[in-house]
Protein backbone atom coordinates (compact mmCIF):
# COMPACT_ATOMS: atom_id res chain seq x y z
CA MET A 1 17.78 24.86 3.11
CA ALA A 2 15.04 22.43 2.08
CA GLN A 3 16.05 18.96 0.90
CA TYR A 4 14.24 17.44 -2.07
CA TYR A 5 13.35 13.79 -2.52
CA ILE A 6 11.21 11.78 -4.93
CA GLY A 7 8.95 8.94 -3.84
CA LEU A 8 7.65 6.31 -6.27
CA MET A 9 4.97 3.76 -5.47
CA SER A 10 3.22 1.05 -7.46
CA GLY A 11 0.98 -0.95 -5.18
CA THR A 12 -0.97 -4.18 -5.13
CA SER A 13 -3.89 -2.54 -6.93
CA LEU A 14 -1.68 -2.64 -10.06
CA ASP A 15 -3.19 0.53 -11.49
CA GLY A 16 0.09 2.31 -12.21
CA VAL A 17 2.83 4.43 -10.67
CA ASP A 18 2.31 7.35 -8.31
CA GLY A 19 5.22 9.73 -7.90
CA VAL A 20 5.77 12.77 -5.72
CA LEU A 21 8.55 15.31 -5.44
CA VAL A 22 8.69 16.55 -1.87
CA ALA A 23 10.61 19.03 0.24
CA PHE A 24 11.81 18.41 3.79
CA ALA A 25 12.07 21.63 5.76
CA PRO A 26 15.34 22.04 7.69
CA GLU A 27 13.53 23.01 10.90
CA ASP A 28 11.50 19.74 10.95
CA ASP A 29 13.16 17.15 8.75
CA ARG A 30 10.75 14.38 9.71
CA ARG A 31 7.88 16.11 7.91
CA LEU A 32 7.47 16.92 4.24
CA GLY A 33 5.48 18.96 1.76
CA VAL A 34 4.53 17.93 -1.76
CA LEU A 35 5.73 20.12 -4.62
CA THR A 36 4.27 18.06 -7.44
CA HIS A 37 2.57 14.72 -8.12
CA SER A 38 2.40 12.49 -11.19
CA HIS A 39 0.43 9.34 -11.96
CA LEU A 40 1.28 7.07 -14.88
CA PRO A 41 -1.01 4.08 -15.57
CA PHE A 42 0.34 0.65 -16.45
CA ASP A 43 -0.25 -0.44 -19.99
CA GLU A 44 -2.28 -3.63 -20.27
CA MET A 45 0.71 -5.83 -21.14
CA LEU A 46 2.78 -4.76 -18.13
CA ARG A 47 -0.19 -4.98 -15.79
CA ALA A 48 -1.05 -8.47 -17.03
CA THR A 49 2.58 -9.62 -16.68
CA LEU A 50 2.90 -8.29 -13.13
CA LEU A 51 -0.39 -9.91 -12.20
CA GLU A 52 0.73 -13.26 -13.66
CA LEU A 53 3.99 -13.08 -11.69
CA ASN A 54 2.00 -13.20 -8.46
CA ARG A 55 1.61 -16.94 -9.06
CA ASP A 56 3.71 -19.83 -10.35
CA GLY A 57 4.31 -19.96 -14.09
CA ALA A 58 6.72 -20.88 -16.85
CA ASN A 59 9.96 -18.99 -17.38
CA GLU A 60 9.37 -16.80 -14.34
CA LEU A 61 12.91 -15.46 -13.94
CA HIS A 62 13.07 -14.24 -17.54
CA ARG A 63 9.63 -12.63 -17.43
CA ALA A 64 10.30 -11.07 -14.02
CA ALA A 65 13.59 -9.53 -15.18
CA LEU A 66 11.99 -7.94 -18.25
CA ALA A 67 9.02 -6.71 -16.22
CA ALA A 68 11.44 -5.14 -13.73
CA ASN A 69 13.16 -3.30 -16.59
CA ALA A 70 9.81 -2.10 -17.95
CA LEU A 71 8.77 -0.89 -14.50
CA ALA A 72 12.07 0.96 -14.02
CA ARG A 73 11.56 2.73 -17.34
CA LEU A 74 8.05 3.78 -16.30
CA TYR A 75 9.45 4.99 -12.98
CA ALA A 76 12.07 7.01 -14.90
CA THR A 77 9.35 8.60 -17.04
CA CYS A 78 7.51 9.54 -13.85
CA VAL A 79 10.68 11.12 -12.45
CA GLU A 80 11.07 13.26 -15.58
CA ALA A 81 7.46 14.43 -15.26
CA LEU A 82 8.06 15.37 -11.63
CA LEU A 83 11.20 17.33 -12.46
CA LEU A 84 9.40 19.15 -15.26
CA GLY A 85 6.43 19.93 -13.04
CA SER A 86 8.55 21.25 -10.18
CA GLY A 87 11.08 23.24 -12.20
CA LEU A 88 13.90 21.61 -10.21
CA ASP A 89 17.09 20.28 -11.72
CA ARG A 90 17.87 16.61 -11.06
CA SER A 91 21.04 17.67 -9.25
CA GLN A 92 18.84 19.25 -6.55
CA VAL A 93 17.14 15.93 -5.72
CA LYS A 94 18.94 14.07 -2.98
CA ALA A 95 17.49 10.63 -3.73
CA ILE A 96 14.60 8.64 -5.15
CA GLY A 97 12.75 6.25 -2.85
CA ALA A 98 11.31 3.50 -5.06
CA HIS A 99 9.20 0.69 -3.66
CA GLY A 100 9.05 -1.60 -6.69
CA GLN A 101 6.17 -3.97 -7.39
CA THR A 102 5.40 -6.66 -4.84
CA VAL A 103 4.84 -9.98 -6.59
CA ARG A 104 5.40 -12.40 -3.68
CA HIS A 105 5.15 -11.75 0.05
CA ARG A 106 5.90 -14.74 2.29
CA PRO A 107 7.84 -13.46 5.33
CA CYS A 108 8.74 -15.79 8.20
CA GLU A 109 7.70 -18.86 6.18
CA PHE A 110 9.44 -21.96 4.79
CA ASP A 111 12.93 -21.61 6.34
CA GLY A 112 11.90 -19.31 9.19
CA THR A 113 13.01 -16.16 7.36
CA GLY A 114 10.94 -16.27 4.19
CA TYR A 115 11.01 -13.43 1.70
CA SER A 116 9.22 -10.44 0.20
CA ILE A 117 9.93 -9.76 -3.47
CA GLN A 118 9.51 -6.32 -5.03
CA LEU A 119 10.30 -6.26 -8.75
CA MET A 120 12.27 -3.29 -10.01
CA ALA A 121 15.57 -2.64 -11.78
CA PRO A 122 17.13 -0.01 -9.50
CA ALA A 123 20.42 0.14 -11.38
CA LEU A 124 18.50 0.92 -14.57
CA LEU A 125 16.48 3.59 -12.75
CA ALA A 126 19.67 5.20 -11.41
CA GLU A 127 21.24 5.02 -14.87
CA SER A 128 18.17 6.55 -16.51
CA THR A 129 17.59 9.38 -14.03
CA ARG A 130 21.16 10.07 -12.82
CA ILE A 131 19.79 10.39 -9.29
CA ASP A 132 20.63 8.16 -6.31
CA VAL A 133 18.03 5.41 -5.89
CA VAL A 134 17.07 3.91 -2.52
CA CYS A 135 15.02 0.71 -2.82
CA ASP A 136 14.50 -2.78 -1.34
CA PHE A 137 12.99 -1.42 1.87
CA ARG A 138 11.51 -4.68 3.15
CA SER A 139 14.43 -7.12 3.06
CA ARG A 140 16.36 -5.90 6.10
CA ASP A 141 13.31 -6.13 8.34
CA VAL A 142 12.56 -9.63 7.03
CA ALA A 143 16.19 -10.62 7.70
CA ALA A 144 15.72 -9.39 11.27
CA GLY A 145 12.78 -11.75 11.73
CA GLY A 146 10.05 -9.28 10.77
CA GLN A 147 7.17 -9.21 8.33
CA GLY A 148 8.76 -6.41 6.29
CA ALA A 149 5.29 -4.84 6.25
CA PRO A 150 3.54 -2.60 6.66
CA LEU A 151 6.25 0.04 6.27
CA VAL A 152 4.06 3.14 6.54
CA PRO A 153 3.10 3.41 10.26
CA ALA A 154 6.20 5.46 11.20
CA PHE A 155 5.38 7.83 8.35
CA HIS A 156 1.74 8.03 9.43
CA ARG A 157 2.95 9.07 12.88
CA ALA A 158 5.16 11.80 11.43
CA MET A 159 2.39 13.23 9.24
CA PHE A 160 -0.80 12.70 11.25
CA GLY A 161 0.11 11.81 14.83
CA ARG A 162 -0.66 15.25 16.23
CA LEU A 163 -4.20 15.48 14.84
CA ALA A 164 -5.99 13.74 17.74
CA PRO A 165 -5.12 12.02 21.02
CA THR A 166 -6.08 8.67 19.45
CA LEU A 167 -6.58 8.14 15.76
CA THR A 168 -6.25 5.46 13.12
CA VAL A 169 -4.95 5.64 9.58
CA LEU A 170 -6.26 3.13 7.04
CA ASN A 171 -4.55 2.65 3.72
CA VAL A 172 -6.80 0.87 1.23
CA GLY A 173 -4.73 -0.21 -1.74
CA GLY A 174 -4.92 -3.72 -3.14
CA ILE A 175 -4.54 -4.77 0.50
CA SER A 176 -5.76 -2.77 3.51
CA ASN A 177 -3.42 -1.82 6.34
CA LEU A 178 -4.15 -0.02 9.59
CA THR A 179 -2.01 2.19 11.84
CA VAL A 180 -3.14 2.96 15.40
CA LEU A 181 -1.71 6.18 16.87
CA ASP A 182 -2.11 7.08 20.53
CA SER A 183 -0.45 10.16 22.09
CA ASN A 184 1.57 10.51 18.87
CA GLN A 185 2.99 7.00 19.24
CA VAL A 186 2.38 3.95 17.05
CA ARG A 187 0.52 1.39 19.15
CA ALA A 188 -0.24 -1.08 16.35
CA GLY A 189 0.12 -1.52 12.60
CA PHE A 190 -0.77 -4.48 10.40
CA ASP A 191 -2.56 -5.61 7.25
CA CYS A 192 -6.30 -6.00 7.84
CA GLY A 193 -6.96 -8.08 4.72
CA PRO A 194 -8.10 -7.38 1.16
CA GLY A 195 -8.64 -3.84 -0.04
CA ASN A 196 -9.25 -3.13 -3.70
CA ALA A 197 -7.63 -6.27 -5.12
CA LEU A 198 -10.70 -8.53 -5.01
CA MET A 199 -13.17 -5.76 -5.81
CA ASP A 200 -11.14 -4.73 -8.86
CA TYR A 201 -10.77 -8.32 -10.04
CA TRP A 202 -14.50 -9.04 -9.76
CA CYS A 203 -15.43 -5.76 -11.44
CA GLN A 204 -13.13 -6.36 -14.40
CA ARG A 205 -14.25 -9.98 -14.77
CA ASN A 206 -17.94 -9.02 -14.90
CA THR A 207 -18.05 -5.50 -16.37
CA GLY A 208 -14.78 -5.13 -18.29
CA GLN A 209 -13.91 -2.06 -16.19
CA CYS A 210 -10.63 -2.01 -14.25
CA PHE A 211 -12.36 -0.80 -11.10
CA ASP A 212 -15.78 0.06 -9.74
CA ASN A 213 -15.81 3.86 -9.99
CA GLN A 214 -16.90 5.27 -6.59
CA GLY A 215 -18.45 1.89 -5.83
CA ALA A 216 -21.38 2.68 -8.13
CA TRP A 217 -21.85 -0.92 -9.33
CA ALA A 218 -21.56 -2.36 -5.82
CA ARG A 219 -24.19 0.12 -4.67
CA THR A 220 -26.73 -1.53 -7.04
CA GLY A 221 -26.32 -4.86 -5.24
CA VAL A 222 -27.07 -6.05 -1.73
CA ALA A 223 -24.31 -7.55 0.38
CA LEU A 224 -25.01 -11.06 1.62
CA PRO A 225 -24.25 -11.21 5.37
CA GLY A 226 -23.81 -14.97 5.23
CA LEU A 227 -21.22 -14.74 2.47
CA VAL A 228 -19.37 -11.91 4.21
CA GLU A 229 -19.21 -13.80 7.50
CA SER A 230 -18.12 -16.95 5.67
CA MET A 231 -15.23 -15.06 4.08
CA LEU A 232 -14.31 -13.51 7.43
CA ARG A 233 -13.82 -17.00 8.84
CA ASP A 234 -10.56 -17.25 6.90
CA PRO A 235 -7.86 -17.79 9.56
CA TYR A 236 -5.99 -14.66 8.50
CA PHE A 237 -8.62 -12.37 10.00
CA SER A 238 -8.32 -13.89 13.47
CA ARG A 239 -4.52 -14.08 13.47
CA LEU A 240 -2.78 -11.85 15.98
CA ALA A 241 -0.47 -9.10 14.79
CA PRO A 242 2.27 -8.75 13.67
CA LYS A 243 0.81 -9.92 10.41
CA SER A 244 0.86 -8.97 6.74
CA THR A 245 -0.58 -10.40 3.58
CA GLY A 246 -0.97 -9.89 -0.16
CA ARG A 247 -2.15 -11.47 -3.37
CA ASP A 248 -0.43 -14.68 -2.27
CA LEU A 249 -3.57 -15.24 -0.17
CA PHE A 250 -6.30 -12.83 -1.29
CA ASN A 251 -6.45 -13.63 -4.99
CA PRO A 252 -9.04 -14.87 -7.54
CA GLY A 253 -8.47 -18.46 -6.47
CA TRP A 254 -9.31 -17.56 -2.88
CA LEU A 255 -12.49 -15.79 -3.96
CA ASP A 256 -13.59 -18.62 -6.24
CA SER A 257 -13.04 -21.08 -3.40
CA GLN A 258 -15.11 -18.94 -1.04
CA LEU A 259 -17.97 -18.72 -3.55
CA ARG A 260 -17.93 -22.49 -4.15
CA GLU A 261 -18.00 -23.14 -0.42
CA PHE A 262 -20.92 -20.75 0.04
CA GLY A 263 -22.72 -22.78 -2.58
CA ILE A 264 -25.64 -20.46 -3.37
CA PRO A 265 -25.85 -18.91 -6.86
CA LEU A 266 -25.49 -15.14 -6.60
CA GLU A 267 -25.75 -12.23 -8.96
CA PRO A 268 -22.38 -10.59 -9.76
CA LYS A 269 -23.49 -7.27 -8.26
CA GLU A 270 -24.35 -9.01 -4.98
CA ILE A 271 -20.85 -10.44 -4.85
CA GLN A 272 -19.37 -7.00 -5.55
CA ALA A 273 -21.43 -5.48 -2.74
CA SER A 274 -20.30 -8.31 -0.47
CA LEU A 275 -16.64 -7.65 -1.30
CA VAL A 276 -17.07 -4.00 -0.34
CA GLU A 277 -18.66 -5.14 2.89
CA LEU A 278 -15.84 -7.62 3.51
CA THR A 279 -13.21 -4.87 3.27
CA ALA A 280 -15.24 -2.38 5.32
CA LEU A 281 -16.21 -4.80 8.06
CA ALA A 282 -12.74 -6.35 8.44
CA CYS A 283 -11.16 -2.91 8.78
CA ALA A 284 -13.86 -1.55 11.09
CA ARG A 285 -13.58 -4.55 13.41
CA ASP A 286 -9.83 -4.00 13.63
CA VAL A 287 -10.35 -0.33 14.49
CA LEU A 288 -12.85 -1.22 17.23
CA HIS A 289 -10.62 -3.95 18.64
CA HIS A 290 -7.29 -2.11 18.61
CA ALA A 291 -8.46 1.49 19.12
CA PRO A 292 -11.90 1.50 20.75
CA GLN A 293 -11.32 5.08 21.93
CA ALA A 294 -10.34 6.37 18.47
CA GLN A 295 -12.06 9.57 17.44
CA LEU A 296 -10.81 9.72 13.86
CA LEU A 297 -10.17 7.30 11.00
CA LEU A 298 -8.15 8.78 8.15
CA VAL A 299 -8.38 6.83 4.90
CA CYS A 300 -5.82 6.95 2.10
CA GLY A 301 -5.03 4.96 -1.01
CA GLY A 302 -7.37 4.36 -3.93
CA GLY A 303 -10.05 3.04 -1.59
CA ALA A 304 -10.58 6.57 -0.26
CA LEU A 305 -12.04 7.42 -3.69
CA ASN A 306 -14.66 4.67 -3.36
CA THR A 307 -17.51 6.66 -1.82
CA TYR A 308 -19.59 3.53 -1.18
CA LEU A 309 -16.73 1.91 0.73
CA MET A 310 -16.27 5.10 2.77
CA GLU A 311 -20.00 5.05 3.60
CA ARG A 312 -19.81 1.44 4.74
CA LEU A 313 -16.79 2.18 6.94
CA ALA A 314 -18.71 5.07 8.52
CA ALA A 315 -21.76 2.85 9.03
CA HIS A 316 -19.68 0.33 10.98
CA LEU A 317 -17.93 3.06 12.99
CA PRO A 318 -20.73 5.42 14.06
CA ALA A 319 -18.69 6.98 16.88
CA VAL A 320 -15.65 7.64 14.68
CA ALA A 321 -15.18 10.46 12.18
CA VAL A 322 -14.23 8.78 8.88
CA ALA A 323 -12.44 11.10 6.47
CA SER A 324 -10.00 11.04 3.59
CA THR A 325 -6.49 12.31 4.30
CA ASP A 326 -7.32 14.98 1.69
CA ALA A 327 -9.07 16.85 4.49
CA HIS A 328 -5.88 16.86 6.56
CA GLY A 329 -3.26 18.16 4.20
CA LEU A 330 -2.19 15.15 2.13
CA PRO A 331 -4.23 13.79 -0.81
CA ALA A 332 -5.15 10.14 -0.38
CA THR A 333 -3.51 9.09 -3.65
CA GLN A 334 -0.17 10.66 -2.64
CA VAL A 335 0.31 9.22 0.85
CA GLU A 336 2.16 6.02 -0.05
CA ALA A 337 4.47 7.69 -2.57
CA CYS A 338 5.27 10.29 0.09
CA ALA A 339 6.02 7.47 2.52
CA PHE A 340 8.75 6.15 0.23
CA ALA A 341 10.29 9.60 -0.16
CA TRP A 342 10.26 9.74 3.66
CA LEU A 343 11.85 6.29 3.92
CA ALA A 344 14.57 7.29 1.44
CA HIS A 345 15.27 10.38 3.53
CA ALA A 346 15.54 8.23 6.66
CA PHE A 347 17.94 5.88 4.85
CA VAL A 348 20.19 8.73 3.69
CA LYS A 349 20.39 9.95 7.30
CA ARG A 350 20.88 6.35 8.48
CA GLN A 351 17.85 6.61 10.73
CA THR A 352 15.94 3.47 11.66
CA ALA A 353 12.51 3.42 10.06
CA SER A 354 11.14 0.00 10.93
CA LEU A 355 9.00 -0.55 14.01
CA PRO A 356 9.47 -3.93 15.72
CA LEU A 357 6.07 -3.49 17.38
CA VAL A 358 4.55 -3.49 13.89
CA THR A 359 6.64 -6.02 11.98
CA GLY A 360 7.81 -8.33 14.76
CA ALA A 361 11.49 -7.84 13.91
CA ARG A 362 14.08 -8.28 16.65
CA GLU A 363 15.10 -4.62 16.56
CA ALA A 364 14.55 -1.49 14.50
CA ARG A 365 16.71 -1.34 11.37
CA VAL A 366 17.80 1.17 8.76
CA LEU A 367 15.74 0.15 5.72
CA GLY A 368 16.83 0.22 2.09
CA ALA A 369 19.70 -0.28 -0.31
CA LEU A 370 21.51 2.39 -2.32
CA TYR A 371 22.15 2.51 -6.08
CA PRO A 372 24.27 5.63 -6.67
CA ALA A 373 23.63 7.98 -9.55
CA GLN A 374 27.17 7.36 -10.87
């Protein structure tokens, strides 16, 4: 009999919540199929609050607690939409895997352990949905000396590892992360650098639009090679893996500092084109360095919908087939939500889901914490 799980994801792009209701087949319980998908956008107040909580500010604990409640309520609304769309009763769903909203990510820093904070009110979500909630997936890996990120490479292996002898999977959310698969094994996984976060910020600041639809605005500009190379000199790009990052580093302050250092007045569209090039070139260089024999790059996350970004990735990787995961059975906007359903399933079975090769943790760990339905 199939087992049903829900996965909920709100990523660093801060565009809203993606939810999936999936089925695990009994004959291959490491793979899943999507029954239904739902996307709920953040309202402007919640989005602004979550964005503000990425940096120091007044009354943070109070604002974070209320934002966590608001996010849990939005998650609960997404769950109800998934149940309605699937025709399943909530009693048939084994568990919800809920990532929460990352607002700070500083693993291995300060006291040697550091932290990664995902806002969410899991008890409220369990109370609202009356379904077991599995959450807090990063903390155990961080406690074991790891980065706590990225979490998706093991899932990428389960879903895509058989497609080619060597392939890479690139998730472009607010931050970009890469998985290298060779002979159906994870050989590397890490955050490449910025994804949509800087592009979205610059687009909203200059056009009033939340994102650059299909990269149309960036396409009207010309990337400045000098600016792109200057940005790529940030020490993060040359750091060896394991490594992970977030808005703690790649934020508006970082971009403003880079533009001041470059010192040449630029048109906004040139900066947007340069940000696309920054993301594409950083990711392409990582593919060439870590998987020079790769035949396929699968792209997921919101960045897969940016046709200009996809073209720039292909331009930098002429010997690699660059394609959205849509072409291989899983829509790009559903991959991360599916990953958290998969991680919840692994937790329920008490299977380890972290990869020390990826995160740098001492050993693989069972990831997550349980908030029962009752």
